[in-house]
PDB file of N, CA and C in Angstrom:
ATOM      1  N   MET A   1     -98.278  24.306  14.357  1.00  0.00           N
ATOM      2  CA  MET A   1     -97.616  23.926  15.494  1.00  0.00           C
ATOM      3  C   MET A   1     -97.416  25.045  16.541  1.00  0.00           C
ATOM      4  N   ASN A   2     -97.874  24.740  17.751  1.00  0.00           N
ATOM      5  CA  ASN A   2     -97.754  25.940  18.678  1.00  0.00           C
ATOM      6  C   ASN A   2     -96.320  26.140  19.178  1.00  0.00           C
ATOM      7  N   ILE A   3     -96.027  26.952  20.054  1.00  0.00           N
ATOM      8  CA  ILE A   3     -94.753  27.428  20.579  1.00  0.00           C
ATOM      9  C   ILE A   3     -94.124  26.387  21.410  1.00  0.00           C
ATOM     10  N   LYS A   4     -94.903  25.812  22.233  1.00  0.00           N
ATOM     11  CA  LYS A   4     -94.401  24.674  23.113  1.00  0.00           C
ATOM     12  C   LYS A   4     -93.910  23.537  22.173  1.00  0.00           C
ATOM     13  N   GLU A   5     -94.602  23.062  21.208  1.00  0.00           N
ATOM     14  CA  GLU A   5     -94.308  22.121  20.310  1.00  0.00           C
ATOM     15  C   GLU A   5     -93.056  22.459  19.521  1.00  0.00           C
ATOM     16  N   SER A   6     -93.048  23.659  19.229  1.00  0.00           N
ATOM     17  CA  SER A   6     -91.791  24.112  18.378  1.00  0.00           C
ATOM     18  C   SER A   6     -90.626  23.996  19.380  1.00  0.00           C
ATOM     19  N   ILE A   7     -90.637  24.232  20.592  1.00  0.00           N
ATOM     20  CA  ILE A   7     -89.510  24.311  21.326  1.00  0.00           C
ATOM     21  C   ILE A   7     -89.157  22.677  21.690  1.00  0.00           C
ATOM     22  N   GLU A   8     -90.149  21.930  21.906  1.00  0.00           N
ATOM     23  CA  GLU A   8     -89.875  20.548  22.170  1.00  0.00           C
ATOM     24  C   GLU A   8     -89.124  19.823  20.916  1.00  0.00           C
ATOM     25  N   THR A   9     -89.650  20.335  19.790  1.00  0.00           N
ATOM     26  CA  THR A   9     -89.133  19.762  18.399  1.00  0.00           C
ATOM     27  C   THR A   9     -87.693  20.174  18.328  1.00  0.00           C
ATOM     28  N   LYS A  10     -87.482  21.491  18.469  1.00  0.00           N
ATOM     29  CA  LYS A  10     -86.080  22.083  18.239  1.00  0.00           C
ATOM     30  C   LYS A  10     -85.066  21.505  19.154  1.00  0.00           C
ATOM     31  N   LEU A  11     -85.465  21.256  20.416  1.00  0.00           N
ATOM     32  CA  LEU A  11     -84.434  20.753  21.363  1.00  0.00           C
ATOM     33  C   LEU A  11     -84.102  19.382  21.488  1.00  0.00           C
ATOM     34  N   GLN A  12     -84.977  18.676  20.436  1.00  0.00           N
ATOM     35  CA  GLN A  12     -84.363  17.370  20.186  1.00  0.00           C
ATOM     36  C   GLN A  12     -83.043  17.128  19.568  1.00  0.00           C
ATOM     37  N   SER A  13     -82.595  18.289  18.885  1.00  0.00           N
ATOM     38  CA  SER A  13     -81.292  18.452  18.566  1.00  0.00           C
ATOM     39  C   SER A  13     -80.167  18.170  19.449  1.00  0.00           C
ATOM     40  N   LEU A  14     -80.525  18.215  20.898  1.00  0.00           N
ATOM     41  CA  LEU A  14     -79.575  18.111  21.910  1.00  0.00           C
ATOM     42  C   LEU A  14     -79.648  16.776  22.549  1.00  0.00           C
ATOM     43  N   GLN A  15     -80.486  15.805  21.615  1.00  0.00           N
ATOM     44  CA  GLN A  15     -80.695  14.415  22.116  1.00  0.00           C
ATOM     45  C   GLN A  15     -80.832  14.106  23.556  1.00  0.00           C
ATOM     46  N   PRO A  16     -81.979  14.798  23.998  1.00  0.00           N
ATOM     47  CA  PRO A  16     -82.223  14.878  25.524  1.00  0.00           C
ATOM     48  C   PRO A  16     -82.601  13.346  25.944  1.00  0.00           C
ATOM     49  N   GLU A  17     -82.216  13.149  27.086  1.00  0.00           N
ATOM     50  CA  GLU A  17     -82.658  11.988  27.648  1.00  0.00           C
ATOM     51  C   GLU A  17     -83.924  12.197  28.544  1.00  0.00           C
ATOM     52  N   PHE A  18     -84.102  13.446  29.019  1.00  0.00           N
ATOM     53  CA  PHE A  18     -85.415  13.860  29.719  1.00  0.00           C
ATOM     54  C   PHE A  18     -85.615  15.416  29.075  1.00  0.00           C
ATOM     55  N   LEU A  19     -86.776  15.622  28.793  1.00  0.00           N
ATOM     56  CA  LEU A  19     -87.306  17.062  28.270  1.00  0.00           C
ATOM     57  C   LEU A  19     -88.709  17.357  28.779  1.00  0.00           C
ATOM     58  N   GLU A  20     -88.774  18.530  29.188  1.00  0.00           N
ATOM     59  CA  GLU A  20     -90.029  18.890  29.690  1.00  0.00           C
ATOM     60  C   GLU A  20     -90.131  20.325  29.484  1.00  0.00           C
ATOM     61  N   VAL A  21     -91.239  20.795  28.791  1.00  0.00           N
ATOM     62  CA  VAL A  21     -91.541  22.134  28.408  1.00  0.00           C
ATOM     63  C   VAL A  21     -92.721  22.513  29.037  1.00  0.00           C
ATOM     64  N   ILE A  22     -92.612  23.508  29.864  1.00  0.00           N
ATOM     65  CA  ILE A  22     -93.892  23.815  30.690  1.00  0.00           C
ATOM     66  C   ILE A  22     -94.261  25.357  30.294  1.00  0.00           C
ATOM     67  N   ASN A  23     -95.479  25.370  29.894  1.00  0.00           N
ATOM     68  CA  ASN A  23     -95.971  26.762  29.648  1.00  0.00           C
ATOM     69  C   ASN A  23     -96.395  27.409  31.020  1.00  0.00           C
ATOM     70  N   GLU A  24     -95.752  28.399  31.434  1.00  0.00           N
ATOM     71  CA  GLU A  24     -96.041  29.108  32.701  1.00  0.00           C
ATOM     72  C   GLU A  24     -96.677  30.472  32.551  1.00  0.00           C
ATOM     73  N   SER A  25     -97.184  30.588  31.405  1.00  0.00           N
ATOM     74  CA  SER A  25     -97.809  31.959  31.148  1.00  0.00           C
ATOM     75  C   SER A  25     -98.938  32.252  31.807  1.00  0.00           C
ATOM     76  N   HIS A  26     -99.648  31.304  32.382  1.00  0.00           N
ATOM     77  CA  HIS A  26    -100.911  31.561  33.153  1.00  0.00           C
ATOM     78  C   HIS A  26    -100.489  32.131  34.589  1.00  0.00           C
ATOM     79  N   LYS A  27     -99.249  31.988  34.902  1.00  0.00           N
ATOM     80  CA  LYS A  27     -98.682  32.660  36.222  1.00  0.00           C
ATOM     81  C   LYS A  27     -98.338  34.239  35.953  1.00  0.00           C
ATOM     82  N   HIS A  28     -98.626  34.650  34.863  1.00  0.00           N
ATOM     83  CA  HIS A  28     -98.367  36.073  34.654  1.00  0.00           C
ATOM     84  C   HIS A  28     -99.281  36.844  34.013  1.00  0.00           C
ATOM     85  N   ASN A  29     -99.066  38.163  34.012  1.00  0.00           N
ATOM     86  CA  ASN A  29    -100.186  39.242  33.698  1.00  0.00           C
ATOM     87  C   ASN A  29    -100.323  39.095  31.907  1.00  0.00           C
ATOM     88  N   VAL A  30    -100.719  37.993  31.406  1.00  0.00           N
ATOM     89  CA  VAL A  30    -100.993  37.870  30.039  1.00  0.00           C
ATOM     90  C   VAL A  30    -102.404  37.300  29.590  1.00  0.00           C
ATOM     91  N   PRO A  31    -102.879  37.539  28.468  1.00  0.00           N
ATOM     92  CA  PRO A  31    -104.141  36.925  28.027  1.00  0.00           C
ATOM     93  C   PRO A  31    -104.185  35.556  28.335  1.00  0.00           C
ATOM     94  N   LYS A  32    -105.456  34.882  28.604  1.00  0.00           N
ATOM     95  CA  LYS A  32    -105.561  33.431  28.848  1.00  0.00           C
ATOM     96  C   LYS A  32    -105.079  32.990  27.484  1.00  0.00           C
ATOM     97  N   GLY A  33    -104.494  31.748  27.523  1.00  0.00           N
ATOM     98  CA  GLY A  33    -103.979  30.946  26.365  1.00  0.00           C
ATOM     99  C   GLY A  33    -102.798  31.356  25.681  1.00  0.00           C
ATOM    100  N   SER A  34    -101.978  32.398  26.385  1.00  0.00           N
ATOM    101  CA  SER A  34    -100.831  32.960  25.919  1.00  0.00           C
ATOM    102  C   SER A  34     -99.722  31.777  25.934  1.00  0.00           C
ATOM    103  N   GLU A  35     -98.725  31.891  25.006  1.00  0.00           N
ATOM    104  CA  GLU A  35     -97.738  31.137  25.057  1.00  0.00           C
ATOM    105  C   GLU A  35     -96.390  32.052  25.256  1.00  0.00           C
ATOM    106  N   SER A  36     -96.084  32.782  26.200  1.00  0.00           N
ATOM    107  CA  SER A  36     -95.016  33.655  26.430  1.00  0.00           C
ATOM    108  C   SER A  36     -93.992  33.328  27.477  1.00  0.00           C
ATOM    109  N   HIS A  37     -94.343  32.604  28.355  1.00  0.00           N
ATOM    110  CA  HIS A  37     -93.424  32.340  29.432  1.00  0.00           C
ATOM    111  C   HIS A  37     -93.218  30.674  29.605  1.00  0.00           C
ATOM    112  N   PHE A  38     -91.982  30.270  29.556  1.00  0.00           N
ATOM    113  CA  PHE A  38     -91.816  28.854  29.582  1.00  0.00           C
ATOM    114  C   PHE A  38     -90.687  28.487  30.559  1.00  0.00           C
ATOM    115  N   LYS A  39     -90.811  27.244  31.109  1.00  0.00           N
ATOM    116  CA  LYS A  39     -89.755  26.569  31.799  1.00  0.00           C
ATOM    117  C   LYS A  39     -89.362  25.335  31.104  1.00  0.00           C
ATOM    118  N   VAL A  40     -88.144  25.168  30.879  1.00  0.00           N
ATOM    119  CA  VAL A  40     -87.520  24.011  30.166  1.00  0.00           C
ATOM    120  C   VAL A  40     -86.728  23.284  31.053  1.00  0.00           C
ATOM    121  N   ILE A  41     -86.990  22.124  31.196  1.00  0.00           N
ATOM    122  CA  ILE A  41     -85.970  20.890  32.085  1.00  0.00           C
ATOM    123  C   ILE A  41     -85.475  20.158  30.900  1.00  0.00           C
ATOM    124  N   ILE A  42     -84.049  20.236  30.684  1.00  0.00           N
ATOM    125  CA  ILE A  42     -83.574  19.309  29.785  1.00  0.00           C
ATOM    126  C   ILE A  42     -82.362  18.573  30.278  1.00  0.00           C
ATOM    127  N   VAL A  43     -82.226  17.311  30.274  1.00  0.00           N
ATOM    128  CA  VAL A  43     -81.213  16.457  30.672  1.00  0.00           C
ATOM    129  C   VAL A  43     -80.400  16.010  29.400  1.00  0.00           C
ATOM    130  N   SER A  44     -79.207  16.325  29.095  1.00  0.00           N
ATOM    131  CA  SER A  44     -78.489  15.817  28.007  1.00  0.00           C
ATOM    132  C   SER A  44     -77.052  15.722  28.421  1.00  0.00           C
ATOM    133  N   GLU A  45     -76.537  14.692  27.551  1.00  0.00           N
ATOM    134  CA  GLU A  45     -74.980  14.536  27.706  1.00  0.00           C
ATOM    135  C   GLU A  45     -74.213  15.601  26.959  1.00  0.00           C
ATOM    136  N   GLU A  46     -75.031  16.223  26.032  1.00  0.00           N
ATOM    137  CA  GLU A  46     -74.372  17.354  25.263  1.00  0.00           C
ATOM    138  C   GLU A  46     -73.959  18.527  26.248  1.00  0.00           C
ATOM    139  N   PHE A  47     -74.313  18.501  27.505  1.00  0.00           N
ATOM    140  CA  PHE A  47     -73.935  19.515  28.433  1.00  0.00           C
ATOM    141  C   PHE A  47     -72.740  19.124  29.125  1.00  0.00           C
ATOM    142  N   GLN A  48     -72.236  17.918  29.138  1.00  0.00           N
ATOM    143  CA  GLN A  48     -71.063  17.341  29.954  1.00  0.00           C
ATOM    144  C   GLN A  48     -69.943  18.248  29.432  1.00  0.00           C
ATOM    145  N   GLY A  49     -69.411  18.790  30.708  1.00  0.00           N
ATOM    146  CA  GLY A  49     -67.971  19.509  30.601  1.00  0.00           C
ATOM    147  C   GLY A  49     -68.317  21.011  30.257  1.00  0.00           C
ATOM    148  N   LYS A  50     -69.587  21.438  30.316  1.00  0.00           N
ATOM    149  CA  LYS A  50     -69.829  22.756  29.859  1.00  0.00           C
ATOM    150  C   LYS A  50     -70.437  23.407  31.066  1.00  0.00           C
ATOM    151  N   MET A  51     -70.006  24.732  31.229  1.00  0.00           N
ATOM    152  CA  MET A  51     -70.462  25.662  32.272  1.00  0.00           C
ATOM    153  C   MET A  51     -71.917  25.998  32.063  1.00  0.00           C
ATOM    154  N   LEU A  52     -72.718  26.309  33.061  1.00  0.00           N
ATOM    155  CA  LEU A  52     -74.082  26.766  32.929  1.00  0.00           C
ATOM    156  C   LEU A  52     -74.347  27.830  31.846  1.00  0.00           C
ATOM    157  N   LEU A  53     -73.605  28.831  31.765  1.00  0.00           N
ATOM    158  CA  LEU A  53     -73.823  29.713  30.818  1.00  0.00           C
ATOM    159  C   LEU A  53     -73.690  29.122  29.368  1.00  0.00           C
ATOM    160  N   ALA A  54     -72.751  28.420  29.082  1.00  0.00           N
ATOM    161  CA  ALA A  54     -72.607  27.819  27.839  1.00  0.00           C
ATOM    162  C   ALA A  54     -73.750  26.972  27.520  1.00  0.00           C
ATOM    163  N   ARG A  55     -74.329  26.290  28.461  1.00  0.00           N
ATOM    164  CA  ARG A  55     -75.442  25.387  28.404  1.00  0.00           C
ATOM    165  C   ARG A  55     -76.534  26.242  27.764  1.00  0.00           C
ATOM    166  N   HIS A  56     -76.799  27.350  28.550  1.00  0.00           N
ATOM    167  CA  HIS A  56     -77.924  28.203  28.291  1.00  0.00           C
ATOM    168  C   HIS A  56     -77.776  28.895  26.788  1.00  0.00           C
ATOM    169  N   GLN A  57     -76.534  29.191  26.495  1.00  0.00           N
ATOM    170  CA  GLN A  57     -76.154  29.661  25.263  1.00  0.00           C
ATOM    171  C   GLN A  57     -76.581  28.688  24.151  1.00  0.00           C
ATOM    172  N   MET A  58     -76.257  27.357  24.404  1.00  0.00           N
ATOM    173  CA  MET A  58     -76.598  26.348  23.431  1.00  0.00           C
ATOM    174  C   MET A  58     -78.220  26.403  23.178  1.00  0.00           C
ATOM    175  N   VAL A  59     -78.903  26.391  24.180  1.00  0.00           N
ATOM    176  CA  VAL A  59     -80.408  26.335  24.215  1.00  0.00           C
ATOM    177  C   VAL A  59     -80.940  27.702  23.571  1.00  0.00           C
ATOM    178  N   ASN A  60     -80.416  28.793  23.951  1.00  0.00           N
ATOM    179  CA  ASN A  60     -80.807  30.169  23.363  1.00  0.00           C
ATOM    180  C   ASN A  60     -80.519  30.132  21.934  1.00  0.00           C
ATOM    181  N   LYS A  61     -79.423  29.616  21.428  1.00  0.00           N
ATOM    182  CA  LYS A  61     -79.107  29.627  19.905  1.00  0.00           C
ATOM    183  C   LYS A  61     -80.229  28.698  19.355  1.00  0.00           C
ATOM    184  N   ILE A  62     -80.569  27.567  19.783  1.00  0.00           N
ATOM    185  CA  ILE A  62     -81.419  26.725  19.081  1.00  0.00           C
ATOM    186  C   ILE A  62     -82.932  27.321  18.977  1.00  0.00           C
ATOM    187  N   LEU A  63     -83.048  28.201  20.055  1.00  0.00           N
ATOM    188  CA  LEU A  63     -84.506  28.853  20.189  1.00  0.00           C
ATOM    189  C   LEU A  63     -84.506  30.233  19.758  1.00  0.00           C
ATOM    190  N   ALA A  64     -83.316  30.725  18.985  1.00  0.00           N
ATOM    191  CA  ALA A  64     -83.271  31.989  18.673  1.00  0.00           C
ATOM    192  C   ALA A  64     -84.477  32.746  18.277  1.00  0.00           C
ATOM    193  N   ASP A  65     -85.186  32.186  17.157  1.00  0.00           N
ATOM    194  CA  ASP A  65     -86.409  32.628  16.509  1.00  0.00           C
ATOM    195  C   ASP A  65     -87.547  32.768  17.608  1.00  0.00           C
ATOM    196  N   GLU A  66     -87.784  31.739  18.356  1.00  0.00           N
ATOM    197  CA  GLU A  66     -88.811  31.924  19.292  1.00  0.00           C
ATOM    198  C   GLU A  66     -88.427  33.011  20.430  1.00  0.00           C
ATOM    199  N   LEU A  67     -87.183  33.258  20.784  1.00  0.00           N
ATOM    200  CA  LEU A  67     -86.783  34.238  21.781  1.00  0.00           C
ATOM    201  C   LEU A  67     -86.936  35.713  21.157  1.00  0.00           C
ATOM    202  N   ALA A  68     -86.827  35.830  19.791  1.00  0.00           N
ATOM    203  CA  ALA A  68     -86.748  36.968  19.335  1.00  0.00           C
ATOM    204  C   ALA A  68     -88.268  37.402  18.902  1.00  0.00           C
ATOM    205  N   HIS A  69     -89.281  36.434  18.636  1.00  0.00           N
ATOM    206  CA  HIS A  69     -90.581  36.778  18.193  1.00  0.00           C
ATOM    207  C   HIS A  69     -91.696  36.285  19.091  1.00  0.00           C
ATOM    208  N   SER A  70     -91.471  35.365  20.096  1.00  0.00           N
ATOM    209  CA  SER A  70     -92.659  34.779  20.735  1.00  0.00           C
ATOM    210  C   SER A  70     -92.454  34.696  22.420  1.00  0.00           C
ATOM    211  N   ILE A  71     -91.460  34.310  22.741  1.00  0.00           N
ATOM    212  CA  ILE A  71     -91.179  34.069  24.300  1.00  0.00           C
ATOM    213  C   ILE A  71     -90.696  35.334  24.940  1.00  0.00           C
ATOM    214  N   HIS A  72     -91.344  35.624  25.849  1.00  0.00           N
ATOM    215  CA  HIS A  72     -90.922  36.631  26.703  1.00  0.00           C
ATOM    216  C   HIS A  72     -90.119  36.345  27.938  1.00  0.00           C
ATOM    217  N   ALA A  73     -90.194  35.211  28.493  1.00  0.00           N
ATOM    218  CA  ALA A  73     -89.360  34.610  29.441  1.00  0.00           C
ATOM    219  C   ALA A  73     -89.126  33.207  29.389  1.00  0.00           C
ATOM    220  N   LEU A  74     -87.958  32.749  29.621  1.00  0.00           N
ATOM    221  CA  LEU A  74     -87.419  31.376  29.622  1.00  0.00           C
ATOM    222  C   LEU A  74     -86.673  31.026  30.695  1.00  0.00           C
ATOM    223  N   THR A  75     -87.141  30.140  31.510  1.00  0.00           N
ATOM    224  CA  THR A  75     -86.500  29.589  32.729  1.00  0.00           C
ATOM    225  C   THR A  75     -85.725  28.204  32.254  1.00  0.00           C
ATOM    226  N   LEU A  76     -84.525  27.915  32.336  1.00  0.00           N
ATOM    227  CA  LEU A  76     -83.831  27.032  31.931  1.00  0.00           C
ATOM    228  C   LEU A  76     -83.312  26.081  33.138  1.00  0.00           C
ATOM    229  N   ASN A  77     -83.446  24.813  32.863  1.00  0.00           N
ATOM    230  CA  ASN A  77     -82.685  23.902  33.985  1.00  0.00           C
ATOM    231  C   ASN A  77     -81.919  22.824  33.031  1.00  0.00           C
ATOM    232  N   THR A  78     -80.686  23.005  32.826  1.00  0.00           N
ATOM    233  CA  THR A  78     -79.981  22.238  31.886  1.00  0.00           C
ATOM    234  C   THR A  78     -78.909  21.437  32.792  1.00  0.00           C
ATOM    235  N   MET A  79     -79.149  20.013  32.539  1.00  0.00           N
ATOM    236  CA  MET A  79     -78.277  19.038  33.339  1.00  0.00           C
ATOM    237  C   MET A  79     -77.813  18.026  32.548  1.00  0.00           C
ATOM    238  N   THR A  80     -76.679  17.291  33.036  1.00  0.00           N
ATOM    239  CA  THR A  80     -76.374  16.025  32.603  1.00  0.00           C
ATOM    240  C   THR A  80     -77.134  14.894  33.233  1.00  0.00           C
ATOM    241  N   SER A  81     -77.006  13.787  32.993  1.00  0.00           N
ATOM    242  CA  SER A  81     -77.743  12.566  33.572  1.00  0.00           C
ATOM    243  C   SER A  81     -77.457  12.453  35.090  1.00  0.00           C
ATOM    244  N   LYS A  82     -76.098  12.516  35.295  1.00  0.00           N
ATOM    245  CA  LYS A  82     -75.559  12.490  36.668  1.00  0.00           C
ATOM    246  C   LYS A  82     -76.089  13.762  37.717  1.00  0.00           C
ATOM    247  N   GLU A  83     -76.196  14.912  36.970  1.00  0.00           N
ATOM    248  CA  GLU A  83     -76.699  16.093  37.848  1.00  0.00           C
ATOM    249  C   GLU A  83     -78.141  15.888  38.083  1.00  0.00           C
ATOM    250  N   TRP A  84     -78.770  15.367  36.884  1.00  0.00           N
ATOM    251  CA  TRP A  84     -80.152  15.147  37.270  1.00  0.00           C
ATOM    252  C   TRP A  84     -80.481  14.043  38.248  1.00  0.00           C
ATOM    253  N   SER A  85     -79.806  12.894  38.107  1.00  0.00           N
ATOM    254  CA  SER A  85     -79.804  11.948  39.242  1.00  0.00           C
ATOM    255  C   SER A  85     -79.438  12.383  40.583  1.00  0.00           C
ATOM    256  N   ASP A  86     -78.361  13.213  40.805  1.00  0.00           N
ATOM    257  CA  ASP A  86     -77.920  13.798  42.019  1.00  0.00           C
ATOM    258  C   ASP A  86     -79.089  14.659  42.600  1.00  0.00           C
ATOM    259  N   LYS A  87     -79.806  15.302  41.700  1.00  0.00           N
ATOM    260  CA  LYS A  87     -80.962  16.315  42.201  1.00  0.00           C
ATOM    261  C   LYS A  87     -82.107  15.486  42.434  1.00  0.00           C
ATOM    262  N   GLY A  88     -82.286  14.009  42.246  1.00  0.00           N
ATOM    263  CA  GLY A  88     -83.285  13.381  42.448  1.00  0.00           C
ATOM    264  C   GLY A  88     -84.444  13.641  41.610  1.00  0.00           C
ATOM    265  N   GLY A  89     -84.106  14.278  40.293  1.00  0.00           N
ATOM    266  CA  GLY A  89     -85.022  14.411  39.306  1.00  0.00           C
ATOM    267  C   GLY A  89     -85.869  15.671  39.858  1.00  0.00           C
ATOM    268  N   GLU A  90     -85.486  16.404  40.562  1.00  0.00           N
ATOM    269  CA  GLU A  90     -86.030  17.802  40.977  1.00  0.00           C
ATOM    270  C   GLU A  90     -85.387  19.011  40.431  1.00  0.00           C
ATOM    271  N   THR A  91     -86.205  20.048  40.204  1.00  0.00           N
ATOM    272  CA  THR A  91     -85.562  21.416  39.835  1.00  0.00           C
ATOM    273  C   THR A  91     -86.292  22.457  40.723  1.00  0.00           C
ATOM    274  N   ASN A  92     -85.673  23.712  40.637  1.00  0.00           N
ATOM    275  CA  ASN A  92     -86.168  24.842  41.458  1.00  0.00           C
ATOM    276  C   ASN A  92     -87.447  25.365  40.715  1.00  0.00           C
ATOM    277  N   ASN A  93     -88.153  26.000  41.461  1.00  0.00           N
ATOM    278  CA  ASN A  93     -89.213  26.717  40.907  1.00  0.00           C
ATOM    279  C   ASN A  93     -88.780  27.885  40.131  1.00  0.00           C
ATOM    280  N   SER A  94     -89.801  28.183  39.225  1.00  0.00           N
ATOM    281  CA  SER A  94     -89.501  29.460  38.394  1.00  0.00           C
ATOM    282  C   SER A  94     -89.745  30.630  39.359  1.00  0.00           C
ATOM    283  N   PRO A  95     -88.952  31.718  39.200  1.00  0.00           N
ATOM    284  CA  PRO A  95     -89.232  33.001  39.986  1.00  0.00           C
ATOM    285  C   PRO A  95     -90.556  33.372  39.832  1.00  0.00           C
ATOM    286  N   PRO A  96     -90.974  34.067  40.851  1.00  0.00           N
ATOM    287  CA  PRO A  96     -92.411  34.522  40.838  1.00  0.00           C
ATOM    288  C   PRO A  96     -92.518  35.830  39.853  1.00  0.00           C
ATOM    289  N   CYS A  97     -93.802  36.010  39.312  1.00  0.00           N
ATOM    290  CA  CYS A  97     -93.946  37.007  38.369  1.00  0.00           C
ATOM    291  C   CYS A  97     -94.023  38.297  39.165  1.00  0.00           C
ATOM    292  N   LEU A  98     -93.326  39.429  38.767  1.00  0.00           N
ATOM    293  CA  LEU A  98     -93.371  40.678  39.360  1.00  0.00           C
ATOM    294  C   LEU A  98     -94.585  41.691  38.797  1.00  0.00           C
ATOM    295  N   GLY A  99     -95.349  40.931  37.905  1.00  0.00           N
ATOM    296  CA  GLY A  99     -96.386  41.832  37.533  1.00  0.00           C
ATOM    297  C   GLY A  99     -96.106  42.578  35.994  1.00  0.00           C
ATOM    298  N   GLY A 100     -95.070  42.595  35.694  1.00  0.00           N
ATOM    299  CA  GLY A 100     -94.785  43.250  34.344  1.00  0.00           C
ATOM    300  C   GLY A 100     -95.288  44.671  34.343  1.00  0.00           C
ATOM    301  N   SER A 101     -95.936  44.908  33.193  1.00  0.00           N
ATOM    302  CA  SER A 101     -96.168  46.394  32.977  1.00  0.00           C
ATOM    303  C   SER A 101     -97.207  46.848  34.056  1.00  0.00           C
ATOM    304  N   SER A 102     -97.957  45.892  34.901  1.00  0.00           N
ATOM    305  CA  SER A 102     -98.984  46.250  35.676  1.00  0.00           C
ATOM    306  C   SER A 102     -98.483  46.671  36.870  1.00  0.00           C
ATOM    307  N   ARG A 103     -97.263  46.431  37.146  1.00  0.00           N
ATOM    308  CA  ARG A 103     -96.428  46.683  38.296  1.00  0.00           C
ATOM    309  C   ARG A 103     -96.217  48.284  38.808  1.00  0.00           C
ATOM    310  N   LYS A 104     -96.405  48.822  39.819  1.00  0.00           N
ATOM    311  CA  LYS A 104     -96.263  49.981  40.004  1.00  0.00           C
ATOM    312  C   LYS A 104     -94.661  50.275  40.124  1.00  0.00           C
ATOM    313  N   GLN A 105     -94.360  51.465  39.442  1.00  0.00           N
ATOM    314  CA  GLN A 105     -92.898  51.914  39.535  1.00  0.00           C
ATOM    315  C   GLN A 105     -92.677  52.752  40.891  1.00  0.00           C
ATOM    316  N   VAL A 106     -91.653  52.308  41.446  1.00  0.00           N
ATOM    317  CA  VAL A 106     -91.170  53.114  42.669  1.00  0.00           C
ATOM    318  C   VAL A 106     -89.923  53.658  42.244  1.00  0.00           C
ATOM    319  N   TYR A 107     -89.921  54.982  42.494  1.00  0.00           N
ATOM    320  CA  TYR A 107     -88.837  55.954  42.125  1.00  0.00           C
ATOM    321  C   TYR A 107     -88.179  56.450  43.421  1.00  0.00           C
TER     322      TYR A 107
END
């Protein structure tokens, strides 16, 4: 099972109404075929009444092993059904890559 599939499988524990896991590694300075940068869009009633930080902590706890060993960056979009509907099923783009270790240091 690759990392994307592992994320999808583990996040099923939140009983998502909608789940999309997008490998955004190709947008970064990593080898072709890498699985290190992901965007997760998850819509679940498990988030009802929870602040954004608590939602992200829930996801981070579920993906603790991947975050510790495989994932370098994770963009999370965590919403309830109503929030997803209010946004028209749209999310913000992930922040642009700043180049990682290839970026010139400015002092």
